[in-house]
Amino acid sequence: MRRLVIGALITLLVVSGAAAIVAAGALRPGASSTAPDPTPPKAHAPAVRPHVLRVPLCSPGTVLRLDRGATAYAATVRARAVAYRAPGGAPFARFGRVNVNGVPTVFSVLEARLDRHCRANWYRVQLPLRPNGITGWVRARAVTERALDIRIVVNLTERSVTVYRGAHPIVVTKAAIGAPSTPTPTGRFYVNQKLVAPDPLGPYGPAALGISAFSPVLKHWAQGGPIAIHGTNEPTLLGAAVSHGCVRVPNDVVRRLWKLVPTGTPVLIRM
């Protein structure tokens, strides 16, 4: 498996606790040297590590599960990628190097299919599309990949967000979740975009992590009603079910998440 390269930041805005995209200018694109606080460090190491998949012996067509254990994998489109129902099967979606917001297109890698040289020639990936959790197969040569040791768990019953590095929790925080009429979707997703707000005191706080989930009810909102984990200007509502589907966390926490969490990071949302 080749070393992975992940893109990072976007201009997409997911509305406070809501799953809406609003006009350009509400958020500004980030950069690798830009953090959502006024005095960012000059540089910081991303919470990722390069990984090489070594399979000394295999049979052609062997499929390896890559979505188990403490290590996860993400893939960034090189130039263009086609998603197929099965390797070599019917195509159903096409992706460019950048998405609709002009940033690198990122997938979460679930499985690798090996060729006769024991190298991956296909990946089954989770896609940032409706329906939630949809997967497809892309050719390995169409993407570059990266191994990650970070994951996020959102517990809707406890109304909490926990970030793990390996098996160890490194961030635990209270969160506001979707209201009963606009619930936060459950399932396995991934971070596919990161945002910086121009007004850190606004309804989204200083930053947001966009994830591959979509609102189960706000299907006609802009860009399909995507979900995000973001800050808030109403901290007294943390711990309540008040949003339009997004997950709100304290602003100091979202600043940490923006620095710690790379795109491609798995996100489990459960009851």
C-alpha atoms as a PDB file:
ATOM      1  CA  MET A   1       0.000   0.000   0.000  1.00  0.00           C
ATOM      2  CA  ARG A   2       1.325   3.390  -0.892  1.00  0.00           C
ATOM      3  CA  ARG A   3       1.814   6.096   1.690  1.00  0.00           C
ATOM      4  CA  LEU A   4      -1.292   8.205   2.031  1.00  0.00           C
ATOM      5  CA  VAL A   5      -1.748  11.891   1.482  1.00  0.00           C
ATOM      6  CA  ILE A   6      -4.811  13.567   2.945  1.00  0.00           C
ATOM      7  CA  GLY A   7      -6.213  16.925   2.049  1.00  0.00           C
ATOM      8  CA  ALA A   8      -7.496  19.133   4.795  1.00  0.00           C
ATOM      9  CA  LEU A   9      -9.610  22.213   4.572  1.00  0.00           C
ATOM     10  CA  ILE A  10     -12.723  23.575   2.921  1.00  0.00           C
ATOM     11  CA  THR A  11     -15.000  26.532   2.384  1.00  0.00           C
ATOM     12  CA  LEU A  12     -18.190  24.624   3.157  1.00  0.00           C
ATOM     13  CA  LEU A  13     -20.319  25.893   6.032  1.00  0.00           C
ATOM     14  CA  VAL A  14     -22.500  23.602   8.069  1.00  0.00           C
ATOM     15  CA  VAL A  15     -24.966  25.728  10.014  1.00  0.00           C
ATOM     16  CA  SER A  16     -24.934  25.666  13.801  1.00  0.00           C
ATOM     17  CA  GLY A  17     -26.308  22.425  14.950  1.00  0.00           C
ATOM     18  CA  ALA A  18     -28.125  22.527  11.679  1.00  0.00           C
ATOM     19  CA  ALA A  19     -27.263  20.584   8.614  1.00  0.00           C
ATOM     20  CA  ALA A  20     -27.390  23.479   6.195  1.00  0.00           C
ATOM     21  CA  ILE A  21     -24.860  25.066   3.916  1.00  0.00           C
ATOM     22  CA  VAL A  22     -25.033  28.829   3.693  1.00  0.00           C
ATOM     23  CA  ALA A  23     -23.654  31.464   1.428  1.00  0.00           C
ATOM     24  CA  ALA A  24     -19.978  31.709   0.676  1.00  0.00           C
ATOM     25  CA  GLY A  25     -18.147  33.988   3.041  1.00  0.00           C
ATOM     26  CA  ALA A  26     -19.717  32.593   6.202  1.00  0.00           C
ATOM     27  CA  LEU A  27     -16.631  30.469   6.582  1.00  0.00           C
ATOM     28  CA  ARG A  28     -13.238  30.934   5.058  1.00  0.00           C
ATOM     29  CA  PRO A  29     -10.951  28.202   3.805  1.00  0.00           C
ATOM     30  CA  GLY A  30      -8.291  27.050   6.200  1.00  0.00           C
ATOM     31  CA  ALA A  31      -4.672  26.339   5.454  1.00  0.00           C
ATOM     32  CA  SER A  32      -2.210  23.950   6.962  1.00  0.00           C
ATOM     33  CA  SER A  33      -0.595  26.824   8.859  1.00  0.00           C
ATOM     34  CA  THR A  34      -3.889  28.366   9.956  1.00  0.00           C
ATOM     35  CA  ALA A  35      -5.487  27.344  13.239  1.00  0.00           C
ATOM     36  CA  PRO A  36      -8.821  28.582  14.580  1.00  0.00           C
ATOM     37  CA  ASP A  37      -7.253  30.518  17.421  1.00  0.00           C
ATOM     38  CA  PRO A  38      -5.496  33.887  17.003  1.00  0.00           C
ATOM     39  CA  THR A  39      -2.040  32.615  17.966  1.00  0.00           C
ATOM     40  CA  PRO A  40      -1.523  29.241  16.306  1.00  0.00           C
ATOM     41  CA  PRO A  41       1.756  27.396  16.656  1.00  0.00           C
ATOM     42  CA  LYS A  42       4.111  27.712  13.728  1.00  0.00           C
ATOM     43  CA  ALA A  43       3.751  24.029  13.008  1.00  0.00           C
ATOM     44  CA  HIS A  44       2.291  20.966  14.606  1.00  0.00           C
ATOM     45  CA  ALA A  45       2.483  17.289  13.762  1.00  0.00           C
ATOM     46  CA  PRO A  46      -0.799  15.858  12.453  1.00  0.00           C
ATOM     47  CA  ALA A  47      -2.298  12.959  14.360  1.00  0.00           C
ATOM     48  CA  VAL A  48      -1.408  10.498  11.609  1.00  0.00           C
ATOM     49  CA  ARG A  49       1.431   8.193  10.768  1.00  0.00           C
ATOM     50  CA  PRO A  50       2.539   6.775   7.429  1.00  0.00           C
ATOM     51  CA  HIS A  51       1.812   3.098   6.983  1.00  0.00           C
ATOM     52  CA  VAL A  52       2.880   0.464   4.520  1.00  0.00           C
ATOM     53  CA  LEU A  53       0.686  -2.599   4.126  1.00  0.00           C
ATOM     54  CA  ARG A  54       2.890  -5.673   3.806  1.00  0.00           C
ATOM     55  CA  VAL A  55       1.266  -8.919   2.682  1.00  0.00           C
ATOM     56  CA  PRO A  56       4.010 -11.492   2.005  1.00  0.00           C
ATOM     57  CA  LEU A  57       1.654 -14.256   0.859  1.00  0.00           C
ATOM     58  CA  CYS A  58      -1.834 -14.069  -0.621  1.00  0.00           C
ATOM     59  CA  SER A  59      -4.155 -15.356  -3.308  1.00  0.00           C
ATOM     60  CA  PRO A  60      -5.321 -13.061  -6.128  1.00  0.00           C
ATOM     61  CA  GLY A  61      -8.615 -11.478  -5.124  1.00  0.00           C
ATOM     62  CA  THR A  62      -7.965 -11.701  -1.376  1.00  0.00           C
ATOM     63  CA  VAL A  63      -9.909  -8.969   0.457  1.00  0.00           C
ATOM     64  CA  LEU A  64      -8.417  -7.484   3.630  1.00  0.00           C
ATOM     65  CA  ARG A  65     -10.535  -5.668   6.197  1.00  0.00           C
ATOM     66  CA  LEU A  66      -8.944  -2.333   7.092  1.00  0.00           C
ATOM     67  CA  ASP A  67     -11.675  -0.843   9.286  1.00  0.00           C
ATOM     68  CA  ARG A  68     -10.937  -2.862  12.414  1.00  0.00           C
ATOM     69  CA  GLY A  69      -8.643  -2.159  15.300  1.00  0.00           C
ATOM     70  CA  ALA A  70      -7.001   1.068  16.366  1.00  0.00           C
ATOM     71  CA  THR A  71      -5.621   1.996  12.940  1.00  0.00           C
ATOM     72  CA  ALA A  72      -7.904   3.496  10.298  1.00  0.00           C
ATOM     73  CA  TYR A  73      -7.213   4.446   6.680  1.00  0.00           C
ATOM     74  CA  ALA A  74      -8.191   7.359   4.486  1.00  0.00           C
ATOM     75  CA  ALA A  75      -7.650   7.973   0.783  1.00  0.00           C
ATOM     76  CA  THR A  76      -7.443  11.160  -1.259  1.00  0.00           C
ATOM     77  CA  VAL A  77      -8.331  11.244  -4.945  1.00  0.00           C
ATOM     78  CA  ARG A  78      -5.273  11.852  -7.159  1.00  0.00           C
ATOM     79  CA  ALA A  79      -6.955  13.291 -10.258  1.00  0.00           C
ATOM     80  CA  ARG A  80     -10.298  11.543 -10.605  1.00  0.00           C
ATOM     81  CA  ALA A  81     -11.948   8.439  -9.199  1.00  0.00           C
ATOM     82  CA  VAL A  82     -14.927   6.336 -10.197  1.00  0.00           C
ATOM     83  CA  ALA A  83     -16.935   4.402  -7.597  1.00  0.00           C
ATOM     84  CA  TYR A  84     -18.140   0.957  -8.682  1.00  0.00           C
ATOM     85  CA  ARG A  85     -20.686  -1.399  -7.134  1.00  0.00           C
ATOM     86  CA  ALA A  86     -18.017  -4.120  -7.256  1.00  0.00           C
ATOM     87  CA  PRO A  87     -14.461  -4.269  -8.619  1.00  0.00           C
ATOM     88  CA  GLY A  88     -14.827  -3.918 -12.366  1.00  0.00           C
ATOM     89  CA  GLY A  89     -18.606  -3.730 -12.019  1.00  0.00           C
ATOM     90  CA  ALA A  90     -21.080  -0.966 -12.774  1.00  0.00           C
ATOM     91  CA  PRO A  91     -19.958   2.598 -11.980  1.00  0.00           C
ATOM     92  CA  PHE A  92     -22.385   4.757 -10.035  1.00  0.00           C
ATOM     93  CA  ALA A  93     -20.490   7.890  -8.917  1.00  0.00           C
ATOM     94  CA  ARG A  94     -17.561   9.976 -10.126  1.00  0.00           C
ATOM     95  CA  PHE A  95     -15.273  12.237  -8.132  1.00  0.00           C
ATOM     96  CA  GLY A  96     -12.684  14.838  -9.063  1.00  0.00           C
ATOM     97  CA  ARG A  97      -9.490  15.736  -7.271  1.00  0.00           C
ATOM     98  CA  VAL A  98     -11.431  18.413  -5.390  1.00  0.00           C
ATOM     99  CA  ASN A  99     -15.031  18.400  -4.232  1.00  0.00           C
ATOM    100  CA  VAL A 100     -17.774  20.962  -4.784  1.00  0.00           C
ATOM    101  CA  ASN A 101     -16.098  23.230  -2.231  1.00  0.00           C
ATOM    102  CA  GLY A 102     -12.777  23.195  -4.046  1.00  0.00           C
ATOM    103  CA  VAL A 103     -10.861  21.028  -1.577  1.00  0.00           C
ATOM    104  CA  PRO A 104      -9.356  17.528  -1.920  1.00  0.00           C
ATOM    105  CA  THR A 105     -11.858  14.683  -2.089  1.00  0.00           C
ATOM    106  CA  VAL A 106     -11.320  12.234   0.758  1.00  0.00           C
ATOM    107  CA  PHE A 107     -12.734   8.726   1.356  1.00  0.00           C
ATOM    108  CA  SER A 108     -12.602   6.388   4.339  1.00  0.00           C
ATOM    109  CA  VAL A 109     -10.990   3.068   3.361  1.00  0.00           C
ATOM    110  CA  LEU A 110     -12.736  -0.096   4.576  1.00  0.00           C
ATOM    111  CA  GLU A 111     -11.199  -2.955   2.579  1.00  0.00           C
ATOM    112  CA  ALA A 112      -8.368  -3.680   0.155  1.00  0.00           C
ATOM    113  CA  ARG A 113      -8.568  -6.226  -2.662  1.00  0.00           C
ATOM    114  CA  LEU A 114      -5.176  -7.693  -3.568  1.00  0.00           C
ATOM    115  CA  ASP A 115      -3.742  -8.652  -6.944  1.00  0.00           C
ATOM    116  CA  ARG A 116      -1.447 -11.597  -7.736  1.00  0.00           C
ATOM    117  CA  HIS A 117       1.526  -9.595  -6.436  1.00  0.00           C
ATOM    118  CA  CYS A 118      -0.214  -9.129  -3.054  1.00  0.00           C
ATOM    119  CA  ARG A 119      -0.635  -5.413  -3.717  1.00  0.00           C
ATOM    120  CA  ALA A 120      -3.911  -3.563  -3.382  1.00  0.00           C
ATOM    121  CA  ASN A 121      -5.565  -2.909  -6.718  1.00  0.00           C
ATOM    122  CA  TRP A 122      -9.031  -1.955  -5.409  1.00  0.00           C
ATOM    123  CA  TYR A 123     -10.308  -0.308  -2.239  1.00  0.00           C
ATOM    124  CA  ARG A 124     -13.807  -0.404  -0.829  1.00  0.00           C
ATOM    125  CA  VAL A 125     -14.394   3.069   0.552  1.00  0.00           C
ATOM    126  CA  GLN A 126     -17.105   4.981   2.350  1.00  0.00           C
ATOM    127  CA  LEU A 127     -18.342   7.875   0.262  1.00  0.00           C
ATOM    128  CA  PRO A 128     -19.515  11.371   1.295  1.00  0.00           C
ATOM    129  CA  LEU A 129     -22.908  10.806  -0.335  1.00  0.00           C
ATOM    130  CA  ARG A 130     -26.475   9.930   0.494  1.00  0.00           C
ATOM    131  CA  PRO A 131     -27.652   7.447   1.666  1.00  0.00           C
ATOM    132  CA  ASN A 132     -25.622   7.605   4.857  1.00  0.00           C
ATOM    133  CA  GLY A 133     -22.877   5.007   4.985  1.00  0.00           C
ATOM    134  CA  ILE A 134     -22.898   4.246   1.259  1.00  0.00           C
ATOM    135  CA  THR A 135     -19.775   2.489  -0.009  1.00  0.00           C
ATOM    136  CA  GLY A 136     -18.186   1.766  -3.369  1.00  0.00           C
ATOM    137  CA  TRP A 137     -15.028   0.302  -4.887  1.00  0.00           C
ATOM    138  CA  VAL A 138     -12.360   2.568  -6.363  1.00  0.00           C
ATOM    139  CA  ARG A 139      -9.152   1.625  -8.143  1.00  0.00           C
ATOM    140  CA  ALA A 140      -6.107   1.843  -5.905  1.00  0.00           C
ATOM    141  CA  ARG A 141      -4.178   3.772  -8.526  1.00  0.00           C
ATOM    142  CA  ALA A 142      -6.809   6.542  -8.376  1.00  0.00           C
ATOM    143  CA  VAL A 143      -6.044   7.447  -4.750  1.00  0.00           C
ATOM    144  CA  THR A 144      -3.279   7.900  -2.219  1.00  0.00           C
ATOM    145  CA  GLU A 145      -3.772   6.640   1.304  1.00  0.00           C
ATOM    146  CA  ARG A 146      -2.856   7.434   4.870  1.00  0.00           C
ATOM    147  CA  ALA A 147      -3.023   5.514   8.149  1.00  0.00           C
ATOM    148  CA  LEU A 148      -4.549   7.264  11.172  1.00  0.00           C
ATOM    149  CA  ASP A 149      -4.620   6.442  14.863  1.00  0.00           C
ATOM    150  CA  ILE A 150      -7.379   8.929  15.765  1.00  0.00           C
ATOM    151  CA  ARG A 151     -11.117   8.198  15.971  1.00  0.00           C
ATOM    152  CA  ILE A 152     -14.184  10.002  17.329  1.00  0.00           C
ATOM    153  CA  VAL A 153     -17.164   8.544  19.184  1.00  0.00           C
ATOM    154  CA  VAL A 154     -20.343  10.598  19.630  1.00  0.00           C
ATOM    155  CA  ASN A 155     -22.669   9.159  22.287  1.00  0.00           C
ATOM    156  CA  LEU A 156     -26.151  10.584  21.816  1.00  0.00           C
ATOM    157  CA  THR A 157     -27.547   9.103  25.026  1.00  0.00           C
ATOM    158  CA  GLU A 158     -24.773  10.596  27.126  1.00  0.00           C
ATOM    159  CA  ARG A 159     -24.567  13.646  24.822  1.00  0.00           C
ATOM    160  CA  SER A 160     -20.826  13.438  24.738  1.00  0.00           C
ATOM    161  CA  VAL A 161     -17.935  13.391  22.266  1.00  0.00           C
ATOM    162  CA  THR A 162     -14.812  11.338  22.924  1.00  0.00           C
ATOM    163  CA  VAL A 163     -11.659  11.407  20.801  1.00  0.00           C
ATOM    164  CA  TYR A 164      -9.374   8.380  20.995  1.00  0.00           C
ATOM    165  CA  ARG A 165      -5.763   7.950  20.002  1.00  0.00           C
ATOM    166  CA  GLY A 166      -5.422   4.225  19.670  1.00  0.00           C
ATOM    167  CA  ALA A 167      -7.334   2.806  22.612  1.00  0.00           C
ATOM    168  CA  HIS A 168      -6.800   5.857  24.838  1.00  0.00           C
ATOM    169  CA  PRO A 169      -9.314   8.720  25.203  1.00  0.00           C
ATOM    170  CA  ILE A 170      -7.548  12.043  24.778  1.00  0.00           C
ATOM    171  CA  VAL A 171     -10.555  14.401  24.634  1.00  0.00           C
ATOM    172  CA  VAL A 172     -13.902  13.938  26.412  1.00  0.00           C
ATOM    173  CA  THR A 173     -16.531  16.659  26.304  1.00  0.00           C
ATOM    174  CA  LYS A 174     -20.205  17.435  26.713  1.00  0.00           C
ATOM    175  CA  ALA A 175     -22.139  18.061  23.492  1.00  0.00           C
ATOM    176  CA  ALA A 176     -25.450  19.362  22.218  1.00  0.00           C
ATOM    177  CA  ILE A 177     -27.164  17.057  19.716  1.00  0.00           C
ATOM    178  CA  GLY A 178     -30.069  17.138  17.285  1.00  0.00           C
ATOM    179  CA  ALA A 179     -33.564  17.920  18.490  1.00  0.00           C
ATOM    180  CA  PRO A 180     -36.193  15.142  18.252  1.00  0.00           C
ATOM    181  CA  SER A 181     -37.594  16.636  15.033  1.00  0.00           C
ATOM    182  CA  THR A 182     -34.132  17.016  13.455  1.00  0.00           C
ATOM    183  CA  PRO A 183     -32.116  14.180  14.982  1.00  0.00           C
ATOM    184  CA  THR A 184     -28.415  13.557  14.654  1.00  0.00           C
ATOM    185  CA  PRO A 185     -27.983  10.482  12.433  1.00  0.00           C
ATOM    186  CA  THR A 186     -26.390   7.358  13.877  1.00  0.00           C
ATOM    187  CA  GLY A 187     -23.853   5.154  12.134  1.00  0.00           C
ATOM    188  CA  ARG A 188     -20.216   4.992  11.055  1.00  0.00           C
ATOM    189  CA  PHE A 189     -18.931   8.038   9.187  1.00  0.00           C
ATOM    190  CA  TYR A 190     -15.681   9.967   8.776  1.00  0.00           C
ATOM    191  CA  VAL A 191     -14.342  13.521   8.794  1.00  0.00           C
ATOM    192  CA  ASN A 192     -14.292  14.674   5.179  1.00  0.00           C
ATOM    193  CA  GLN A 193     -13.734  18.428   5.633  1.00  0.00           C
ATOM    194  CA  LYS A 194     -12.540  21.024   8.135  1.00  0.00           C
ATOM    195  CA  LEU A 195     -13.657  24.644   8.445  1.00  0.00           C
ATOM    196  CA  VAL A 196     -12.574  27.874  10.080  1.00  0.00           C
ATOM    197  CA  ALA A 197     -15.158  30.522  10.963  1.00  0.00           C
ATOM    198  CA  PRO A 198     -14.238  34.185  10.385  1.00  0.00           C
ATOM    199  CA  ASP A 199     -16.122  35.123  13.567  1.00  0.00           C
ATOM    200  CA  PRO A 200     -15.018  32.838  16.405  1.00  0.00           C
ATOM    201  CA  LEU A 201     -17.816  34.265  18.555  1.00  0.00           C
ATOM    202  CA  GLY A 202     -20.517  33.349  16.043  1.00  0.00           C
ATOM    203  CA  PRO A 203     -23.015  30.467  16.180  1.00  0.00           C
ATOM    204  CA  TYR A 204     -20.500  27.942  14.825  1.00  0.00           C
ATOM    205  CA  GLY A 205     -17.696  28.874  17.179  1.00  0.00           C
ATOM    206  CA  PRO A 206     -14.172  29.165  15.780  1.00  0.00           C
ATOM    207  CA  ALA A 207     -14.139  25.945  13.727  1.00  0.00           C
ATOM    208  CA  ALA A 208     -15.985  22.856  12.563  1.00  0.00           C
ATOM    209  CA  LEU A 209     -15.308  19.305  11.433  1.00  0.00           C
ATOM    210  CA  GLY A 210     -17.605  18.318   8.593  1.00  0.00           C
ATOM    211  CA  ILE A 211     -18.428  14.613   8.521  1.00  0.00           C
ATOM    212  CA  SER A 212     -19.809  12.334   5.808  1.00  0.00           C
ATOM    213  CA  ALA A 213     -23.242  12.046   7.453  1.00  0.00           C
ATOM    214  CA  PHE A 214     -26.374  13.810   6.269  1.00  0.00           C
ATOM    215  CA  SER A 215     -29.504  14.844   8.147  1.00  0.00           C
ATOM    216  CA  PRO A 216     -32.184  12.142   7.953  1.00  0.00           C
ATOM    217  CA  VAL A 217     -34.914  14.781   7.549  1.00  0.00           C
ATOM    218  CA  LEU A 218     -33.380  17.938   6.037  1.00  0.00           C
ATOM    219  CA  LYS A 219     -32.832  16.338   2.636  1.00  0.00           C
ATOM    220  CA  HIS A 220     -33.620  19.467   0.635  1.00  0.00           C
ATOM    221  CA  TRP A 221     -31.186  21.772   2.381  1.00  0.00           C
ATOM    222  CA  ALA A 222     -28.157  22.994   0.475  1.00  0.00           C
ATOM    223  CA  GLN A 223     -25.705  20.224  -0.517  1.00  0.00           C
ATOM    224  CA  GLY A 224     -28.068  17.643   0.918  1.00  0.00           C
ATOM    225  CA  GLY A 225     -28.019  18.732   4.557  1.00  0.00           C
ATOM    226  CA  PRO A 226     -24.565  17.625   5.799  1.00  0.00           C
ATOM    227  CA  ILE A 227     -23.697  17.217   9.472  1.00  0.00           C
ATOM    228  CA  ALA A 228     -20.740  18.668  11.382  1.00  0.00           C
ATOM    229  CA  ILE A 229     -19.143  18.814  14.799  1.00  0.00           C
ATOM    230  CA  HIS A 230     -18.619  22.495  15.600  1.00  0.00           C
ATOM    231  CA  GLY A 231     -18.381  25.133  18.278  1.00  0.00           C
ATOM    232  CA  THR A 232     -21.185  27.284  19.648  1.00  0.00           C
ATOM    233  CA  ASN A 233     -22.049  30.730  20.967  1.00  0.00           C
ATOM    234  CA  GLU A 234     -24.656  29.205  23.294  1.00  0.00           C
ATOM    235  CA  PRO A 235     -22.612  27.096  25.718  1.00  0.00           C
ATOM    236  CA  THR A 236     -25.515  26.905  28.184  1.00  0.00           C
ATOM    237  CA  LEU A 237     -27.273  24.587  25.709  1.00  0.00           C
ATOM    238  CA  LEU A 238     -24.480  22.020  25.736  1.00  0.00           C
ATOM    239  CA  GLY A 239     -25.885  18.707  26.914  1.00  0.00           C
ATOM    240  CA  ALA A 240     -29.294  19.410  25.367  1.00  0.00           C
ATOM    241  CA  ALA A 241     -31.024  18.061  22.261  1.00  0.00           C
ATOM    242  CA  VAL A 242     -31.505  21.375  20.462  1.00  0.00           C
ATOM    243  CA  SER A 243     -29.670  21.393  17.128  1.00  0.00           C
ATOM    244  CA  HIS A 244     -30.819  20.679  13.586  1.00  0.00           C
ATOM    245  CA  GLY A 245     -28.637  17.570  13.537  1.00  0.00           C
ATOM    246  CA  CYS A 246     -25.102  18.823  14.075  1.00  0.00           C
ATOM    247  CA  VAL A 247     -23.064  18.155  17.208  1.00  0.00           C
ATOM    248  CA  ARG A 248     -22.043  21.251  19.167  1.00  0.00           C
ATOM    249  CA  VAL A 249     -19.060  21.240  21.518  1.00  0.00           C
ATOM    250  CA  PRO A 250     -17.334  23.951  23.584  1.00  0.00           C
ATOM    251  CA  ASN A 251     -15.220  26.366  21.573  1.00  0.00           C
ATOM    252  CA  ASP A 252     -11.997  25.468  23.358  1.00  0.00           C
ATOM    253  CA  VAL A 253     -12.652  21.824  22.492  1.00  0.00           C
ATOM    254  CA  VAL A 254     -13.340  22.458  18.830  1.00  0.00           C
ATOM    255  CA  ARG A 255     -10.038  24.329  18.631  1.00  0.00           C
ATOM    256  CA  ARG A 256      -8.302  21.215  19.942  1.00  0.00           C
ATOM    257  CA  LEU A 257     -10.202  18.967  17.540  1.00  0.00           C
ATOM    258  CA  TRP A 258      -9.289  21.174  14.594  1.00  0.00           C
ATOM    259  CA  LYS A 259      -5.609  20.640  15.401  1.00  0.00           C
ATOM    260  CA  LEU A 260      -5.798  16.971  16.430  1.00  0.00           C
ATOM    261  CA  VAL A 261      -8.169  15.463  13.892  1.00  0.00           C
ATOM    262  CA  PRO A 262      -7.168  14.980  10.240  1.00  0.00           C
ATOM    263  CA  THR A 263      -9.650  14.426   7.445  1.00  0.00           C
ATOM    264  CA  GLY A 264     -10.446  10.770   7.004  1.00  0.00           C
ATOM    265  CA  THR A 265     -10.811  10.218  10.768  1.00  0.00           C
ATOM    266  CA  PRO A 266     -13.559   7.671  11.577  1.00  0.00           C
ATOM    267  CA  VAL A 267     -16.604   9.025  13.418  1.00  0.00           C
ATOM    268  CA  LEU A 268     -18.978   6.639  15.203  1.00  0.00           C
ATOM    269  CA  ILE A 269     -22.314   8.189  16.211  1.00  0.00           C
ATOM    270  CA  ARG A 270     -24.306   5.893  18.481  1.00  0.00           C
ATOM    271  CA  MET A 271     -27.074   5.928  21.044  1.00  0.00           C
END
